Amino acid sequence: MHAAWSAATAVLLWRRQEEVQNVDAWYGFAIPVLKILGISMILHGLYDTLLKRDLGVPALAVAVVSFVWFFWLYEWGQRRQAELIAHA
């Protein structure tokens, strides 16, 4: 699960790199970081909480959603990269 969340975060960081690079002051990182990490943080917390409460089936559902989200981001990244290469 950590690998899926980390990879999804990496794709989002790549997707929003201009937004991060254009930050002028240290406190300006708050919103971009929340946009990049937010979904992974929520999914991680939900997954951990469900497992701690012995709710295996809902935790499995969160795991499936996490992997679907990662693969969707990955496919988007592949298409976007192909577009950038085609326009170069």
Protein backbone atom coordinates (compact mmCIF):
# COMPACT_ATOMS: atom_id res chain seq x y z
CA MET A 1 0.00 0.00 0.00
CA HIS A 2 2.80 2.41 0.83
CA ALA A 3 4.28 1.84 -2.61
CA ALA A 4 0.98 2.71 -4.32
CA TRP A 5 0.52 5.86 -2.24
CA SER A 6 4.14 6.92 -2.76
CA ALA A 7 3.98 6.32 -6.50
CA ALA A 8 0.70 8.21 -6.79
CA THR A 9 2.24 11.09 -4.87
CA ALA A 10 5.25 11.05 -7.19
CA VAL A 11 2.98 11.25 -10.25
CA LEU A 12 1.09 14.15 -8.70
CA LEU A 13 4.37 15.89 -7.87
CA TRP A 14 5.42 15.52 -11.51
CA ARG A 15 2.02 16.80 -12.60
CA ARG A 16 2.21 19.89 -10.35
CA GLN A 17 5.93 20.60 -10.53
CA GLU A 18 5.45 24.10 -11.95
CA GLU A 19 3.18 25.00 -9.06
CA VAL A 20 5.83 23.86 -6.57
CA GLN A 21 8.69 25.57 -8.42
CA ASN A 22 6.86 28.90 -8.48
CA VAL A 23 6.54 29.15 -4.69
CA ASP A 24 8.26 32.29 -3.42
CA ALA A 25 8.32 31.76 0.35
CA TRP A 26 8.48 28.67 2.56
CA TYR A 27 4.87 29.14 3.73
CA GLY A 28 3.72 29.08 0.12
CA PHE A 29 4.34 25.34 0.02
CA ALA A 30 1.30 24.55 2.20
CA ILE A 31 -1.36 24.49 -0.54
CA PRO A 32 0.72 22.70 -3.21
CA VAL A 33 1.83 20.09 -0.67
CA LEU A 34 -1.75 19.48 0.43
CA LYS A 35 -2.83 19.12 -3.20
CA ILE A 36 -0.06 16.59 -3.81
CA LEU A 37 -0.23 14.61 -0.56
CA GLY A 38 -3.86 15.05 0.45
CA ILE A 39 -5.48 12.05 -1.18
CA SER A 40 -2.67 9.70 -0.19
CA MET A 41 -2.85 10.93 3.40
CA ILE A 42 -6.61 10.43 3.57
CA LEU A 43 -6.47 6.96 2.02
CA HIS A 44 -3.60 5.94 4.31
CA GLY A 45 -5.40 7.16 7.43
CA LEU A 46 -8.66 5.52 6.42
CA TYR A 47 -6.93 2.23 5.62
CA ASP A 48 -5.03 2.18 8.92
CA THR A 49 -8.11 3.12 10.93
CA LEU A 50 -10.23 0.41 9.32
CA LEU A 51 -7.57 -2.22 9.97
CA LYS A 52 -7.20 -1.15 13.61
CA ARG A 53 -10.93 -1.58 14.06
CA ASP A 54 -10.79 -5.07 12.47
CA LEU A 55 -12.84 -3.98 9.46
CA GLY A 56 -11.02 -6.03 6.85
CA VAL A 57 -13.52 -5.79 3.99
CA PRO A 58 -13.78 -1.98 4.05
CA ALA A 59 -9.97 -1.79 4.39
CA LEU A 60 -9.69 -4.02 1.33
CA ALA A 61 -12.06 -1.67 -0.51
CA VAL A 62 -9.82 1.29 0.39
CA ALA A 63 -6.81 -0.71 -0.85
CA VAL A 64 -8.55 -1.40 -4.16
CA VAL A 65 -9.49 2.28 -4.51
CA SER A 66 -5.88 3.22 -3.76
CA PHE A 67 -4.53 0.96 -6.50
CA VAL A 68 -7.18 2.06 -8.99
CA TRP A 69 -6.32 5.69 -8.23
CA PHE A 70 -2.61 5.00 -8.73
CA PHE A 71 -3.12 3.16 -12.03
CA TRP A 72 -5.42 5.92 -13.27
CA LEU A 73 -2.75 8.54 -12.44
CA TYR A 74 -0.09 6.35 -14.05
CA GLU A 75 -2.08 6.02 -17.28
CA TRP A 76 -2.74 9.75 -17.29
CA GLY A 77 0.98 10.35 -16.88
CA GLN A 78 1.82 8.01 -19.75
CA ARG A 79 -0.64 9.78 -22.07
CA ARG A 80 0.60 13.20 -20.99
CA GLN A 81 4.23 12.20 -21.54
CA ALA A 82 3.40 10.88 -25.02
CA GLU A 83 1.71 14.20 -25.82
CA LEU A 84 4.73 16.17 -24.63
CA ILE A 85 7.08 14.02 -26.72
CA ALA A 86 4.84 14.39 -29.78
CA HIS A 87 4.90 18.18 -29.45
CA ALA A 88 8.66 18.37 -28.89
